[in-house]
Amino acid sequence: MSAAKERRERERTQRHQLIIASARELAETEGWEAVTMRRLADIVEYSQPVLYGHFSGKDAIIRAVAVDGFDELFRRLRHARLAVPQQQAPLAVGNAYLEFATERPALYEAMFVMSIDVKFAHAETPPPLRAGFNEFVSCLHPDTPRRPLVAEVMWSALHGLSTLASTGRIPPAGQAERLDFLITQLTNPTGESVT
């Protein structure tokens, strides 16, 4: 590949990432309804046709933001899991998940609430999604019966807790107690606290 072609590819990749980062930042500050192709074109200082050269529209941008978010979530979950002994890993991963959802509400919305063209639990599932789910599986003791199912239930319950707290349907102040209860029930059904 020629140096000029490499430079053009590098610039295209940088523009692509700038569009994603700008959409994410705008959504975090003003909500997804504020993210339009016209507004993004103004922010990134490229014409709308340039944006459409990268993305077919807003839905494609939201999908790209979500996939980037799954990669960030995976890294957070992995860091949390590896930072503690195995018996504390489910609680650490649960905490990391809830913190992510609280700290990045618009990103979390793109990943788990908005309709995006991403297949979960499928052969076409993007690698960052698989990696994130594998952190839920890996945080559980290897002898855990039906480990993937327990990981699915854990993820589902954490999503429910984060969504209910963020919408004010349950008080956020009780998250630590709820999380401890959830992890205890999933990993030690005899009821002995994991903390």
Protein backbone atom coordinates (compact mmCIF):
# COMPACT_ATOMS: atom_id res chain seq x y z
CA MET A 1 0.00 0.00 0.00
CA SER A 2 1.33 3.42 -0.91
CA ALA A 3 2.13 6.02 1.75
CA ALA A 4 -0.64 8.27 0.41
CA LYS A 5 -3.20 5.48 0.59
CA GLU A 6 -2.09 4.57 4.13
CA ARG A 7 -2.45 8.21 5.16
CA ARG A 8 -5.97 8.39 3.66
CA GLU A 9 -6.97 5.20 5.48
CA ARG A 10 -5.55 6.52 8.74
CA GLU A 11 -7.43 9.81 8.30
CA ARG A 12 -10.64 7.92 7.49
CA THR A 13 -10.27 5.83 10.65
CA GLN A 14 -9.63 8.96 12.71
CA ARG A 15 -12.73 10.66 11.25
CA HIS A 16 -14.77 7.54 11.95
CA GLN A 17 -13.67 7.50 15.60
CA LEU A 18 -14.21 11.26 15.93
CA ILE A 19 -17.82 10.87 14.77
CA ILE A 20 -18.42 8.05 17.27
CA ALA A 21 -16.78 9.94 20.14
CA SER A 22 -18.69 13.13 19.31
CA ALA A 23 -22.03 11.30 19.15
CA ARG A 24 -21.32 9.64 22.46
CA GLU A 25 -20.31 12.91 24.13
CA LEU A 26 -23.36 14.74 22.76
CA ALA A 27 -25.66 11.94 23.94
CA GLU A 28 -24.11 11.97 27.41
CA THR A 29 -24.57 15.73 27.76
CA GLU A 30 -27.90 16.30 25.95
CA GLY A 31 -29.48 12.88 25.32
CA TRP A 32 -29.81 10.79 22.17
CA GLU A 33 -32.56 12.99 20.74
CA ALA A 34 -29.92 15.74 20.34
CA VAL A 35 -27.76 13.49 18.17
CA THR A 36 -28.58 14.28 14.54
CA MET A 37 -26.44 14.07 11.43
CA ARG A 38 -26.64 17.85 11.02
CA ARG A 39 -25.56 18.48 14.61
CA LEU A 40 -22.72 15.97 14.36
CA ALA A 41 -21.54 17.51 11.09
CA ASP A 42 -21.29 20.88 12.86
CA ILE A 43 -19.44 19.40 15.84
CA VAL A 44 -16.88 17.40 13.87
CA GLU A 45 -16.60 20.12 11.22
CA TYR A 46 -17.24 17.83 8.27
CA SER A 47 -20.12 18.01 5.82
CA GLN A 48 -23.12 15.73 6.19
CA PRO A 49 -22.13 13.80 3.04
CA VAL A 50 -18.79 12.99 4.72
CA LEU A 51 -20.69 11.63 7.74
CA TYR A 52 -22.92 9.58 5.44
CA GLY A 53 -19.75 8.23 3.83
CA HIS A 54 -18.97 6.65 7.22
CA PHE A 55 -22.45 5.83 8.53
CA SER A 56 -25.78 5.25 6.78
CA GLY A 57 -27.53 7.34 9.44
CA LYS A 58 -28.09 7.92 13.13
CA ASP A 59 -28.97 4.27 13.82
CA ALA A 60 -25.62 3.14 12.42
CA ILE A 61 -23.83 5.67 14.62
CA ILE A 62 -25.72 4.48 17.70
CA ARG A 63 -24.77 0.90 16.84
CA ALA A 64 -21.08 1.87 16.55
CA VAL A 65 -21.27 3.74 19.87
CA ALA A 66 -22.88 0.69 21.48
CA VAL A 67 -20.22 -1.72 20.19
CA ASP A 68 -17.51 0.61 21.51
CA GLY A 69 -19.39 0.65 24.81
CA PHE A 70 -19.40 -3.13 24.97
CA ASP A 71 -15.63 -3.09 24.59
CA GLU A 72 -15.32 -0.56 27.42
CA LEU A 73 -17.67 -2.61 29.61
CA PHE A 74 -15.68 -5.77 28.92
CA ARG A 75 -12.44 -4.09 29.99
CA ARG A 76 -14.05 -2.81 33.20
CA LEU A 77 -15.53 -6.20 34.08
CA ARG A 78 -12.24 -7.96 33.37
CA HIS A 79 -10.29 -5.48 35.50
CA ALA A 80 -12.76 -5.90 38.37
CA ARG A 81 -12.64 -9.71 38.14
CA LEU A 82 -8.86 -9.91 38.07
CA ALA A 83 -8.38 -7.40 40.90
CA VAL A 84 -9.86 -9.65 43.60
CA PRO A 85 -9.69 -13.29 44.76
CA GLN A 86 -12.01 -15.72 42.92
CA GLN A 87 -14.61 -15.86 45.72
CA GLN A 88 -15.05 -12.07 45.54
CA ALA A 89 -15.11 -11.89 41.73
CA PRO A 90 -18.92 -12.08 41.26
CA LEU A 91 -19.47 -9.16 43.63
CA ALA A 92 -16.65 -7.15 42.04
CA VAL A 93 -18.00 -7.77 38.53
CA GLY A 94 -21.52 -6.87 39.67
CA ASN A 95 -20.28 -3.63 41.22
CA ALA A 96 -18.32 -2.76 38.07
CA TYR A 97 -21.41 -3.35 35.93
CA LEU A 98 -23.66 -1.17 38.08
CA GLU A 99 -21.04 1.59 38.25
CA PHE A 100 -20.69 1.53 34.46
CA ALA A 101 -24.46 1.85 34.00
CA THR A 102 -24.60 4.75 36.47
CA GLU A 103 -21.56 6.62 35.14
CA ARG A 104 -22.42 6.23 31.43
CA PRO A 105 -26.23 6.46 31.19
CA ALA A 106 -26.47 7.42 27.50
CA LEU A 107 -23.91 4.83 26.50
CA TYR A 108 -25.72 2.19 28.56
CA GLU A 109 -28.98 3.22 26.90
CA ALA A 110 -27.45 2.73 23.44
CA MET A 111 -26.10 -0.68 24.45
CA PHE A 112 -29.09 -2.15 26.24
CA VAL A 113 -32.23 -0.07 25.80
CA MET A 114 -32.30 1.37 22.29
CA SER A 115 -33.03 -0.84 19.32
CA ILE A 116 -29.73 -1.56 17.59
CA ASP A 117 -28.90 -3.98 14.84
CA VAL A 118 -26.70 -6.19 17.01
CA LYS A 119 -27.40 -9.86 17.61
CA PHE A 120 -26.89 -11.20 21.11
CA ALA A 121 -26.12 -14.87 21.82
CA HIS A 122 -25.71 -15.57 18.11
CA ALA A 123 -22.94 -16.58 15.72
CA GLU A 124 -22.87 -12.95 14.48
CA THR A 125 -22.48 -11.43 17.95
CA PRO A 126 -19.61 -8.89 17.87
CA PRO A 127 -16.50 -9.99 19.82
CA PRO A 128 -16.77 -7.25 22.51
CA LEU A 129 -20.24 -8.54 23.48
CA ARG A 130 -18.98 -12.11 23.71
CA ALA A 131 -16.00 -10.98 25.77
CA GLY A 132 -18.24 -9.09 28.19
CA PHE A 133 -20.52 -12.07 28.70
CA ASN A 134 -17.50 -14.31 29.19
CA GLU A 135 -16.48 -12.09 32.12
CA PHE A 136 -19.76 -12.94 33.81
CA VAL A 137 -19.07 -16.63 33.24
CA SER A 138 -15.43 -16.32 34.34
CA CYS A 139 -16.28 -14.52 37.58
CA LEU A 140 -18.21 -17.58 38.74
CA HIS A 141 -16.38 -20.49 40.35
CA PRO A 142 -15.55 -23.15 37.73
CA ASP A 143 -17.58 -25.73 39.69
CA THR A 144 -20.75 -23.61 39.54
CA PRO A 145 -23.54 -25.82 38.18
CA ARG A 146 -25.01 -24.48 34.93
CA ARG A 147 -22.43 -21.71 34.91
CA PRO A 148 -23.51 -20.00 31.62
CA LEU A 149 -27.14 -19.96 32.81
CA VAL A 150 -26.14 -18.46 36.17
CA ALA A 151 -24.08 -15.84 34.28
CA GLU A 152 -27.12 -14.99 32.12
CA VAL A 153 -29.36 -14.62 35.17
CA MET A 154 -26.71 -12.49 36.89
CA TRP A 155 -26.43 -10.19 33.88
CA SER A 156 -30.22 -9.97 33.54
CA ALA A 157 -30.68 -9.14 37.22
CA LEU A 158 -27.93 -6.51 37.13
CA HIS A 159 -29.58 -4.92 34.10
CA GLY A 160 -32.87 -4.87 35.97
CA LEU A 161 -31.30 -3.33 39.07
CA SER A 162 -29.51 -0.64 37.08
CA THR A 163 -32.58 0.22 35.00
CA LEU A 164 -34.95 0.35 37.97
CA ALA A 165 -32.54 2.53 39.95
CA SER A 166 -31.83 4.91 37.05
CA THR A 167 -35.54 5.47 36.44
CA GLY A 168 -36.28 6.03 40.12
CA ARG A 169 -38.42 2.92 40.52
CA ILE A 170 -36.18 1.65 43.32
CA PRO A 171 -34.02 3.88 45.52
CA PRO A 172 -30.37 3.93 44.35
CA ALA A 173 -29.24 4.00 47.98
CA GLY A 174 -30.05 0.30 48.41
CA GLN A 175 -27.96 -0.98 45.46
CA ALA A 176 -25.13 -2.42 47.58
CA GLU A 177 -27.52 -4.48 49.69
CA ARG A 178 -29.43 -5.66 46.62
CA LEU A 179 -26.22 -6.62 44.87
CA ASP A 180 -24.96 -8.56 47.89
CA PHE A 181 -28.30 -10.40 48.09
CA LEU A 182 -28.27 -11.20 44.37
CA ILE A 183 -24.72 -12.51 44.35
CA THR A 184 -25.32 -14.50 47.54
CA GLN A 185 -28.39 -16.16 46.04
CA LEU A 186 -26.61 -16.99 42.79
CA THR A 187 -23.31 -18.17 44.21
CA ASN A 188 -24.21 -19.40 47.69
CA PRO A 189 -27.91 -20.24 47.91
CA THR A 190 -27.49 -21.27 51.57
CA GLY A 191 -27.68 -17.54 52.31
CA GLU A 192 -24.21 -16.84 53.68
CA SER A 193 -23.22 -13.31 52.65
CA VAL A 194 -20.36 -12.95 50.17
CA THR A 195 -19.04 -9.72 51.71
